[in-house]
PDB file of all heavy atoms in Angstrom:
ATOM      1  N   GLY A   1      51.863  13.273  36.950  1.00  0.00           N
ATOM      2  CA  GLY A   1      53.182  13.190  37.539  1.00  0.00           C
ATOM      3  C   GLY A   1      53.520  14.501  38.283  1.00  0.00           C
ATOM      4  O   GLY A   1      54.671  14.614  38.771  1.00  0.00           O
ATOM      5  N   VAL A   2      52.679  15.428  38.348  1.00  0.00           N
ATOM      6  CA  VAL A   2      52.910  16.815  38.967  1.00  0.00           C
ATOM      7  C   VAL A   2      52.046  16.984  40.215  1.00  0.00           C
ATOM      8  O   VAL A   2      52.580  17.474  41.271  1.00  0.00           O
ATOM      9  CB  VAL A   2      52.669  17.946  37.978  1.00  0.00           C
ATOM     10  CG1 VAL A   2      52.784  19.308  38.679  1.00  0.00           C
ATOM     11  CG2 VAL A   2      53.463  17.795  36.682  1.00  0.00           C
ATOM     12  N   PHE A   3      50.814  16.490  40.115  1.00  0.00           N
ATOM     13  CA  PHE A   3      49.811  16.731  41.184  1.00  0.00           C
ATOM     14  C   PHE A   3      49.448  15.407  41.898  1.00  0.00           C
ATOM     15  O   PHE A   3      49.403  14.455  41.224  1.00  0.00           O
ATOM     16  CB  PHE A   3      48.585  17.575  40.750  1.00  0.00           C
ATOM     17  CG  PHE A   3      48.887  18.901  40.356  1.00  0.00           C
ATOM     18  CD1 PHE A   3      49.218  19.296  39.046  1.00  0.00           C
ATOM     19  CD2 PHE A   3      48.835  19.952  41.339  1.00  0.00           C
ATOM     20  CE1 PHE A   3      49.438  20.581  38.679  1.00  0.00           C
ATOM     21  CE2 PHE A   3      49.095  21.148  40.963  1.00  0.00           C
ATOM     22  CZ  PHE A   3      49.420  21.578  39.679  1.00  0.00           C
ATOM     23  N   ASP A   4      49.104  15.579  43.170  1.00  0.00           N
ATOM     24  CA  ASP A   4      48.729  14.316  44.013  1.00  0.00           C
ATOM     25  C   ASP A   4      47.221  14.263  43.909  1.00  0.00           C
ATOM     26  O   ASP A   4      46.773  13.091  44.270  1.00  0.00           O
ATOM     27  CB  ASP A   4      49.182  14.487  45.335  1.00  0.00           C
ATOM     28  CG  ASP A   4      50.648  14.686  45.466  1.00  0.00           C
ATOM     29  OD1 ASP A   4      51.431  13.804  45.024  1.00  0.00           O
ATOM     30  OD2 ASP A   4      51.167  15.710  45.922  1.00  0.00           O
ATOM     31  N   ALA A   5      46.460  15.219  43.634  1.00  0.00           N
ATOM     32  CA  ALA A   5      45.023  15.210  43.649  1.00  0.00           C
ATOM     33  C   ALA A   5      44.463  16.315  42.795  1.00  0.00           C
ATOM     34  O   ALA A   5      45.082  17.261  42.617  1.00  0.00           O
ATOM     35  CB  ALA A   5      44.473  15.318  45.089  1.00  0.00           C
ATOM     36  N   ILE A   6      43.264  16.089  42.345  1.00  0.00           N
ATOM     37  CA  ILE A   6      42.473  17.085  41.507  1.00  0.00           C
ATOM     38  C   ILE A   6      41.188  17.349  42.154  1.00  0.00           C
ATOM     39  O   ILE A   6      40.499  16.352  42.537  1.00  0.00           O
ATOM     40  CB  ILE A   6      42.276  16.615  40.122  1.00  0.00           C
ATOM     41  CG1 ILE A   6      43.649  16.480  39.290  1.00  0.00           C
ATOM     42  CG2 ILE A   6      41.372  17.611  39.355  1.00  0.00           C
ATOM     43  CD1 ILE A   6      43.589  15.861  37.928  1.00  0.00           C
ATOM     44  N   VAL A   7      40.865  18.615  42.318  1.00  0.00           N
ATOM     45  CA  VAL A   7      39.526  19.028  42.783  1.00  0.00           C
ATOM     46  C   VAL A   7      38.986  19.650  41.570  1.00  0.00           C
ATOM     47  O   VAL A   7      39.497  20.617  41.058  1.00  0.00           O
ATOM     48  CB  VAL A   7      39.580  19.973  43.912  1.00  0.00           C
ATOM     49  CG1 VAL A   7      38.182  20.515  44.323  1.00  0.00           C
ATOM     50  CG2 VAL A   7      40.122  19.254  45.228  1.00  0.00           C
ATOM     51  N   ILE A   8      37.852  19.257  41.098  1.00  0.00           N
ATOM     52  CA  ILE A   8      37.255  19.831  39.758  1.00  0.00           C
ATOM     53  C   ILE A   8      35.801  20.022  39.933  1.00  0.00           C
ATOM     54  O   ILE A   8      34.958  19.274  40.483  1.00  0.00           O
ATOM     55  CB  ILE A   8      37.500  18.804  38.632  1.00  0.00           C
ATOM     56  CG1 ILE A   8      37.055  19.422  37.320  1.00  0.00           C
ATOM     57  CG2 ILE A   8      36.897  17.495  38.819  1.00  0.00           C
ATOM     58  CD1 ILE A   8      37.437  18.694  36.067  1.00  0.00           C
ATOM     59  N   ASN A   9      35.460  21.254  39.446  1.00  0.00           N
ATOM     60  CA  ASN A   9      34.024  21.665  39.187  1.00  0.00           C
ATOM     61  C   ASN A   9      33.959  21.845  37.815  1.00  0.00           C
ATOM     62  O   ASN A   9      34.256  22.939  37.263  1.00  0.00           O
ATOM     63  CB  ASN A   9      33.660  23.022  39.986  1.00  0.00           C
ATOM     64  CG  ASN A   9      32.239  23.313  39.813  1.00  0.00           C
ATOM     65  OD1 ASN A   9      31.498  22.856  38.970  1.00  0.00           O
ATOM     66  ND2 ASN A   9      31.645  24.220  40.679  1.00  0.00           N
ATOM     67  N   PRO A  10      33.481  20.863  37.052  1.00  0.00           N
ATOM     68  CA  PRO A  10      33.452  21.018  35.592  1.00  0.00           C
ATOM     69  C   PRO A  10      32.398  21.914  35.127  1.00  0.00           C
ATOM     70  O   PRO A  10      32.258  22.071  33.761  1.00  0.00           O
ATOM     71  CB  PRO A  10      33.265  19.562  35.164  1.00  0.00           C
ATOM     72  CG  PRO A  10      33.276  18.672  36.359  1.00  0.00           C
ATOM     73  CD  PRO A  10      33.087  19.611  37.469  1.00  0.00           C
ATOM     74  N   GLY A  11      31.580  22.523  35.946  1.00  0.00           N
ATOM     75  CA  GLY A  11      30.475  23.418  35.420  1.00  0.00           C
ATOM     76  C   GLY A  11      29.611  22.618  34.508  1.00  0.00           C
ATOM     77  O   GLY A  11      29.261  21.348  34.754  1.00  0.00           O
ATOM     78  N   GLY A  12      29.186  23.243  33.378  1.00  0.00           N
ATOM     79  CA  GLY A  12      28.255  22.482  32.499  1.00  0.00           C
ATOM     80  C   GLY A  12      28.800  21.267  31.859  1.00  0.00           C
ATOM     81  O   GLY A  12      28.006  20.352  31.372  1.00  0.00           O
ATOM     82  N   TYR A  13      30.108  21.210  31.818  1.00  0.00           N
ATOM     83  CA  TYR A  13      30.734  20.006  31.215  1.00  0.00           C
ATOM     84  C   TYR A  13      30.592  18.711  32.085  1.00  0.00           C
ATOM     85  O   TYR A  13      30.765  17.670  31.558  1.00  0.00           O
ATOM     86  CB  TYR A  13      32.239  20.166  30.969  1.00  0.00           C
ATOM     87  CG  TYR A  13      32.510  21.185  29.944  1.00  0.00           C
ATOM     88  CD1 TYR A  13      33.507  22.241  30.039  1.00  0.00           C
ATOM     89  CD2 TYR A  13      31.887  21.167  28.690  1.00  0.00           C
ATOM     90  CE1 TYR A  13      33.797  23.154  29.056  1.00  0.00           C
ATOM     91  CE2 TYR A  13      32.190  22.133  27.728  1.00  0.00           C
ATOM     92  CZ  TYR A  13      33.115  23.079  27.919  1.00  0.00           C
ATOM     93  OH  TYR A  13      33.393  24.075  26.971  1.00  0.00           O
ATOM     94  N   THR A  14      30.146  18.978  33.309  1.00  0.00           N
ATOM     95  CA  THR A  14      29.802  17.843  34.188  1.00  0.00           C
ATOM     96  C   THR A  14      28.884  16.810  33.427  1.00  0.00           C
ATOM     97  O   THR A  14      29.133  15.621  33.524  1.00  0.00           O
ATOM     98  CB  THR A  14      29.096  18.302  35.441  1.00  0.00           C
ATOM     99  OG1 THR A  14      29.890  19.231  36.062  1.00  0.00           O
ATOM    100  CG2 THR A  14      28.730  17.238  36.385  1.00  0.00           C
ATOM    101  N   HIS A  15      27.845  17.348  32.798  1.00  0.00           N
ATOM    102  CA  HIS A  15      26.818  16.518  32.266  1.00  0.00           C
ATOM    103  C   HIS A  15      27.051  16.176  30.783  1.00  0.00           C
ATOM    104  O   HIS A  15      26.176  15.461  30.184  1.00  0.00           O
ATOM    105  CB  HIS A  15      25.503  17.307  32.395  1.00  0.00           C
ATOM    106  CG  HIS A  15      25.459  18.136  33.612  1.00  0.00           C
ATOM    107  ND1 HIS A  15      25.347  17.527  34.908  1.00  0.00           N
ATOM    108  CD2 HIS A  15      25.553  19.457  33.788  1.00  0.00           C
ATOM    109  CE1 HIS A  15      25.273  18.463  35.825  1.00  0.00           C
ATOM    110  NE2 HIS A  15      25.494  19.598  35.260  1.00  0.00           N
ATOM    111  N   THR A  16      28.156  16.622  30.203  1.00  0.00           N
ATOM    112  CA  THR A  16      28.266  16.441  28.742  1.00  0.00           C
ATOM    113  C   THR A  16      29.615  15.908  28.315  1.00  0.00           C
ATOM    114  O   THR A  16      29.772  15.399  27.222  1.00  0.00           O
ATOM    115  CB  THR A  16      28.104  17.755  27.988  1.00  0.00           C
ATOM    116  OG1 THR A  16      29.073  18.717  28.421  1.00  0.00           O
ATOM    117  CG2 THR A  16      26.649  18.311  28.270  1.00  0.00           C
ATOM    118  N   SER A  17      30.601  15.990  29.160  1.00  0.00           N
ATOM    119  CA  SER A  17      32.040  15.735  28.769  1.00  0.00           C
ATOM    120  C   SER A  17      32.603  14.390  29.060  1.00  0.00           C
ATOM    121  O   SER A  17      33.144  14.063  30.138  1.00  0.00           O
ATOM    122  CB  SER A  17      33.023  16.796  29.229  1.00  0.00           C
ATOM    123  OG  SER A  17      34.235  16.670  28.648  1.00  0.00           O
ATOM    124  N   VAL A  18      32.497  13.370  28.011  1.00  0.00           N
ATOM    125  CA  VAL A  18      33.265  12.185  28.072  1.00  0.00           C
ATOM    126  C   VAL A  18      34.747  12.531  28.022  1.00  0.00           C
ATOM    127  O   VAL A  18      35.495  11.864  28.638  1.00  0.00           O
ATOM    128  CB  VAL A  18      32.794  11.278  26.948  1.00  0.00           C
ATOM    129  CG1 VAL A  18      33.567  10.040  26.922  1.00  0.00           C
ATOM    130  CG2 VAL A  18      31.315  10.988  27.069  1.00  0.00           C
ATOM    131  N   ALA A  19      35.153  13.518  27.310  1.00  0.00           N
ATOM    132  CA  ALA A  19      36.518  13.873  27.131  1.00  0.00           C
ATOM    133  C   ALA A  19      37.207  14.234  28.434  1.00  0.00           C
ATOM    134  O   ALA A  19      38.379  13.704  28.724  1.00  0.00           O
ATOM    135  CB  ALA A  19      36.716  15.094  26.192  1.00  0.00           C
ATOM    136  N   ILE A  20      36.547  15.015  29.435  1.00  0.00           N
ATOM    137  CA  ILE A  20      37.043  15.230  30.609  1.00  0.00           C
ATOM    138  C   ILE A  20      37.183  13.964  31.474  1.00  0.00           C
ATOM    139  O   ILE A  20      38.097  13.693  32.113  1.00  0.00           O
ATOM    140  CB  ILE A  20      36.328  16.450  31.319  1.00  0.00           C
ATOM    141  CG1 ILE A  20      36.598  17.788  30.606  1.00  0.00           C
ATOM    142  CG2 ILE A  20      36.681  16.484  32.808  1.00  0.00           C
ATOM    143  CD1 ILE A  20      35.674  18.908  31.103  1.00  0.00           C
ATOM    144  N   LEU A  21      36.123  13.220  31.454  1.00  0.00           N
ATOM    145  CA  LEU A  21      36.104  11.856  32.156  1.00  0.00           C
ATOM    146  C   LEU A  21      37.256  11.079  31.692  1.00  0.00           C
ATOM    147  O   LEU A  21      38.069  10.492  32.488  1.00  0.00           O
ATOM    148  CB  LEU A  21      34.883  11.180  31.897  1.00  0.00           C
ATOM    149  CG  LEU A  21      34.813   9.630  32.308  1.00  0.00           C
ATOM    150  CD1 LEU A  21      35.118   9.464  33.813  1.00  0.00           C
ATOM    151  CD2 LEU A  21      33.609   8.923  31.825  1.00  0.00           C
ATOM    152  N   ASP A  22      37.520  10.944  30.361  1.00  0.00           N
ATOM    153  CA  ASP A  22      38.612  10.171  29.830  1.00  0.00           C
ATOM    154  C   ASP A  22      39.979  10.601  30.238  1.00  0.00           C
ATOM    155  O   ASP A  22      40.859   9.854  30.557  1.00  0.00           O
ATOM    156  CB  ASP A  22      38.500  10.008  28.285  1.00  0.00           C
ATOM    157  CG  ASP A  22      37.347   9.142  27.790  1.00  0.00           C
ATOM    158  OD1 ASP A  22      36.799   8.378  28.725  1.00  0.00           O
ATOM    159  OD2 ASP A  22      37.066   9.175  26.591  1.00  0.00           O
ATOM    160  N   ALA A  23      40.111  12.052  30.198  1.00  0.00           N
ATOM    161  CA  ALA A  23      41.392  12.588  30.695  1.00  0.00           C
ATOM    162  C   ALA A  23      41.642  12.220  32.160  1.00  0.00           C
ATOM    163  O   ALA A  23      42.801  11.894  32.550  1.00  0.00           O
ATOM    164  CB  ALA A  23      41.365  14.090  30.510  1.00  0.00           C
ATOM    165  N   LEU A  24      40.676  12.377  33.012  1.00  0.00           N
ATOM    166  CA  LEU A  24      40.855  12.001  34.450  1.00  0.00           C
ATOM    167  C   LEU A  24      41.242  10.448  34.548  1.00  0.00           C
ATOM    168  O   LEU A  24      42.130  10.199  35.333  1.00  0.00           O
ATOM    169  CB  LEU A  24      39.511  12.308  35.216  1.00  0.00           C
ATOM    170  CG  LEU A  24      39.241  13.720  35.455  1.00  0.00           C
ATOM    171  CD1 LEU A  24      37.744  13.896  35.957  1.00  0.00           C
ATOM    172  CD2 LEU A  24      40.250  14.512  36.290  1.00  0.00           C
ATOM    173  N   LYS A  25      40.567   9.711  33.766  1.00  0.00           N
ATOM    174  CA  LYS A  25      40.885   8.257  33.963  1.00  0.00           C
ATOM    175  C   LYS A  25      42.275   7.961  33.358  1.00  0.00           C
ATOM    176  O   LYS A  25      43.041   7.149  33.925  1.00  0.00           O
ATOM    177  CB  LYS A  25      39.768   7.433  33.124  1.00  0.00           C
ATOM    178  CG  LYS A  25      38.508   7.367  33.817  1.00  0.00           C
ATOM    179  CD  LYS A  25      37.422   6.853  32.916  1.00  0.00           C
ATOM    180  CE  LYS A  25      37.533   5.489  32.532  1.00  0.00           C
ATOM    181  NZ  LYS A  25      36.357   4.986  31.739  1.00  0.00           N
ATOM    182  N   ALA A  26      42.744   8.623  32.370  1.00  0.00           N
ATOM    183  CA  ALA A  26      43.993   8.469  31.760  1.00  0.00           C
ATOM    184  C   ALA A  26      45.219   8.839  32.684  1.00  0.00           C
ATOM    185  O   ALA A  26      46.168   8.108  32.829  1.00  0.00           O
ATOM    186  CB  ALA A  26      44.161   9.309  30.490  1.00  0.00           C
ATOM    187  N   VAL A  27      45.009   9.956  33.474  1.00  0.00           N
ATOM    188  CA  VAL A  27      46.130  10.335  34.375  1.00  0.00           C
ATOM    189  C   VAL A  27      46.006   9.600  35.691  1.00  0.00           C
ATOM    190  O   VAL A  27      46.966   9.643  36.471  1.00  0.00           O
ATOM    191  CB  VAL A  27      46.194  11.906  34.630  1.00  0.00           C
ATOM    192  CG1 VAL A  27      46.399  12.520  33.246  1.00  0.00           C
ATOM    193  CG2 VAL A  27      44.868  12.427  35.269  1.00  0.00           C
ATOM    194  N   SER A  28      44.898   8.998  36.157  1.00  0.00           N
ATOM    195  CA  SER A  28      44.730   8.260  37.288  1.00  0.00           C
ATOM    196  C   SER A  28      45.087   9.036  38.629  1.00  0.00           C
ATOM    197  O   SER A  28      45.636   8.428  39.529  1.00  0.00           O
ATOM    198  CB  SER A  28      45.496   6.927  37.193  1.00  0.00           C
ATOM    199  OG  SER A  28      45.057   6.139  36.176  1.00  0.00           O
ATOM    200  N   ILE A  29      44.726  10.271  38.534  1.00  0.00           N
ATOM    201  CA  ILE A  29      45.053  11.179  39.796  1.00  0.00           C
ATOM    202  C   ILE A  29      43.736  11.092  40.611  1.00  0.00           C
ATOM    203  O   ILE A  29      42.699  11.358  40.099  1.00  0.00           O
ATOM    204  CB  ILE A  29      45.430  12.602  39.332  1.00  0.00           C
ATOM    205  CG1 ILE A  29      46.734  12.617  38.533  1.00  0.00           C
ATOM    206  CG2 ILE A  29      45.580  13.419  40.630  1.00  0.00           C
ATOM    207  CD1 ILE A  29      47.085  13.939  37.935  1.00  0.00           C
ATOM    208  N   PRO A  30      43.890  10.901  41.899  1.00  0.00           N
ATOM    209  CA  PRO A  30      42.670  10.917  42.822  1.00  0.00           C
ATOM    210  C   PRO A  30      41.972  12.259  42.507  1.00  0.00           C
ATOM    211  O   PRO A  30      42.590  13.310  42.557  1.00  0.00           O
ATOM    212  CB  PRO A  30      43.192  10.780  44.184  1.00  0.00           C
ATOM    213  CG  PRO A  30      44.527  10.063  43.981  1.00  0.00           C
ATOM    214  CD  PRO A  30      45.053  10.583  42.677  1.00  0.00           C
ATOM    215  N   THR A  31      40.591  12.213  42.347  1.00  0.00           N
ATOM    216  CA  THR A  31      39.816  13.270  42.069  1.00  0.00           C
ATOM    217  C   THR A  31      38.566  13.485  42.975  1.00  0.00           C
ATOM    218  O   THR A  31      37.915  12.516  43.237  1.00  0.00           O
ATOM    219  CB  THR A  31      39.371  13.146  40.526  1.00  0.00           C
ATOM    220  OG1 THR A  31      40.502  13.203  39.757  1.00  0.00           O
ATOM    221  CG2 THR A  31      38.519  14.392  40.083  1.00  0.00           C
ATOM    222  N   ALA A  32      38.314  14.672  43.274  1.00  0.00           N
ATOM    223  CA  ALA A  32      37.080  15.125  43.896  1.00  0.00           C
ATOM    224  C   ALA A  32      36.254  15.981  43.000  1.00  0.00           C
ATOM    225  O   ALA A  32      36.856  16.871  42.511  1.00  0.00           O
ATOM    226  CB  ALA A  32      37.386  15.890  45.262  1.00  0.00           C
ATOM    227  N   GLU A  33      34.953  15.757  42.960  1.00  0.00           N
ATOM    228  CA  GLU A  33      34.089  16.562  42.133  1.00  0.00           C
ATOM    229  C   GLU A  33      33.340  17.423  43.072  1.00  0.00           C
ATOM    230  O   GLU A  33      32.836  17.029  44.121  1.00  0.00           O
ATOM    231  CB  GLU A  33      33.094  15.637  41.366  1.00  0.00           C
ATOM    232  CG  GLU A  33      32.059  16.312  40.627  1.00  0.00           C
ATOM    233  CD  GLU A  33      31.007  15.429  40.067  1.00  0.00           C
ATOM    234  OE1 GLU A  33      31.185  14.099  40.137  1.00  0.00           O
ATOM    235  OE2 GLU A  33      30.110  15.813  39.297  1.00  0.00           O
ATOM    236  N   VAL A  34      33.323  18.755  42.684  1.00  0.00           N
ATOM    237  CA  VAL A  34      32.656  19.726  43.565  1.00  0.00           C
ATOM    238  C   VAL A  34      31.627  20.467  42.705  1.00  0.00           C
ATOM    239  O   VAL A  34      31.937  20.859  41.614  1.00  0.00           O
ATOM    240  CB  VAL A  34      33.760  20.718  44.179  1.00  0.00           C
ATOM    241  CG1 VAL A  34      33.052  21.844  44.926  1.00  0.00           C
ATOM    242  CG2 VAL A  34      34.609  19.961  45.108  1.00  0.00           C
ATOM    243  N   HIS A  35      30.539  20.783  43.406  1.00  0.00           N
ATOM    244  CA  HIS A  35      29.540  21.641  42.808  1.00  0.00           C
ATOM    245  C   HIS A  35      28.915  22.626  43.948  1.00  0.00           C
ATOM    246  O   HIS A  35      28.668  22.176  45.033  1.00  0.00           O
ATOM    247  CB  HIS A  35      28.342  20.846  42.287  1.00  0.00           C
ATOM    248  CG  HIS A  35      28.742  19.937  41.227  1.00  0.00           C
ATOM    249  ND1 HIS A  35      28.997  20.384  39.895  1.00  0.00           N
ATOM    250  CD2 HIS A  35      28.990  18.676  41.141  1.00  0.00           C
ATOM    251  CE1 HIS A  35      29.366  19.332  39.141  1.00  0.00           C
ATOM    252  NE2 HIS A  35      29.414  18.328  39.892  1.00  0.00           N
ATOM    253  N   ILE A  36      28.958  23.789  43.598  1.00  0.00           N
ATOM    254  CA  ILE A  36      28.453  24.834  44.545  1.00  0.00           C
ATOM    255  C   ILE A  36      27.003  24.622  44.935  1.00  0.00           C
ATOM    256  O   ILE A  36      26.574  24.554  46.090  1.00  0.00           O
ATOM    257  CB  ILE A  36      28.710  26.170  44.019  1.00  0.00           C
ATOM    258  CG1 ILE A  36      30.226  26.553  43.921  1.00  0.00           C
ATOM    259  CG2 ILE A  36      28.059  27.337  44.970  1.00  0.00           C
ATOM    260  CD1 ILE A  36      30.527  27.747  43.132  1.00  0.00           C
ATOM    261  N   SER A  37      26.230  24.354  43.927  1.00  0.00           N
ATOM    262  CA  SER A  37      24.715  24.109  44.170  1.00  0.00           C
ATOM    263  C   SER A  37      24.489  22.701  44.335  1.00  0.00           C
ATOM    264  O   SER A  37      25.385  21.815  44.030  1.00  0.00           O
ATOM    265  CB  SER A  37      23.912  24.658  43.003  1.00  0.00           C
ATOM    266  OG  SER A  37      24.187  23.889  41.796  1.00  0.00           O
ATOM    267  N   ASP A  38      23.317  22.290  44.847  1.00  0.00           N
ATOM    268  CA  ASP A  38      22.940  20.925  44.985  1.00  0.00           C
ATOM    269  C   ASP A  38      22.426  20.460  43.608  1.00  0.00           C
ATOM    270  O   ASP A  38      21.165  20.444  43.371  1.00  0.00           O
ATOM    271  CB  ASP A  38      21.849  20.801  45.993  1.00  0.00           C
ATOM    272  CG  ASP A  38      21.451  19.361  46.351  1.00  0.00           C
ATOM    273  OD1 ASP A  38      21.994  18.502  45.670  1.00  0.00           O
ATOM    274  OD2 ASP A  38      20.613  19.246  47.330  1.00  0.00           O
ATOM    275  N   VAL A  39      23.333  19.958  42.722  1.00  0.00           N
ATOM    276  CA  VAL A  39      22.907  19.578  41.386  1.00  0.00           C
ATOM    277  C   VAL A  39      21.903  18.486  41.313  1.00  0.00           C
ATOM    278  O   VAL A  39      21.071  18.350  40.373  1.00  0.00           O
ATOM    279  CB  VAL A  39      24.085  19.219  40.476  1.00  0.00           C
ATOM    280  CG1 VAL A  39      24.949  20.521  40.246  1.00  0.00           C
ATOM    281  CG2 VAL A  39      24.952  18.226  41.188  1.00  0.00           C
TER     282      VAL A  39
END
């Protein structure tokens, strides 16, 4: 209810965090995933 979009670089949590995924799904805010390196 505060932000229109999220840009997230979850770092190491990218590969391990169901909790972050579930939070993103819960708030339903459009999200872009960013990684500095070519993961």
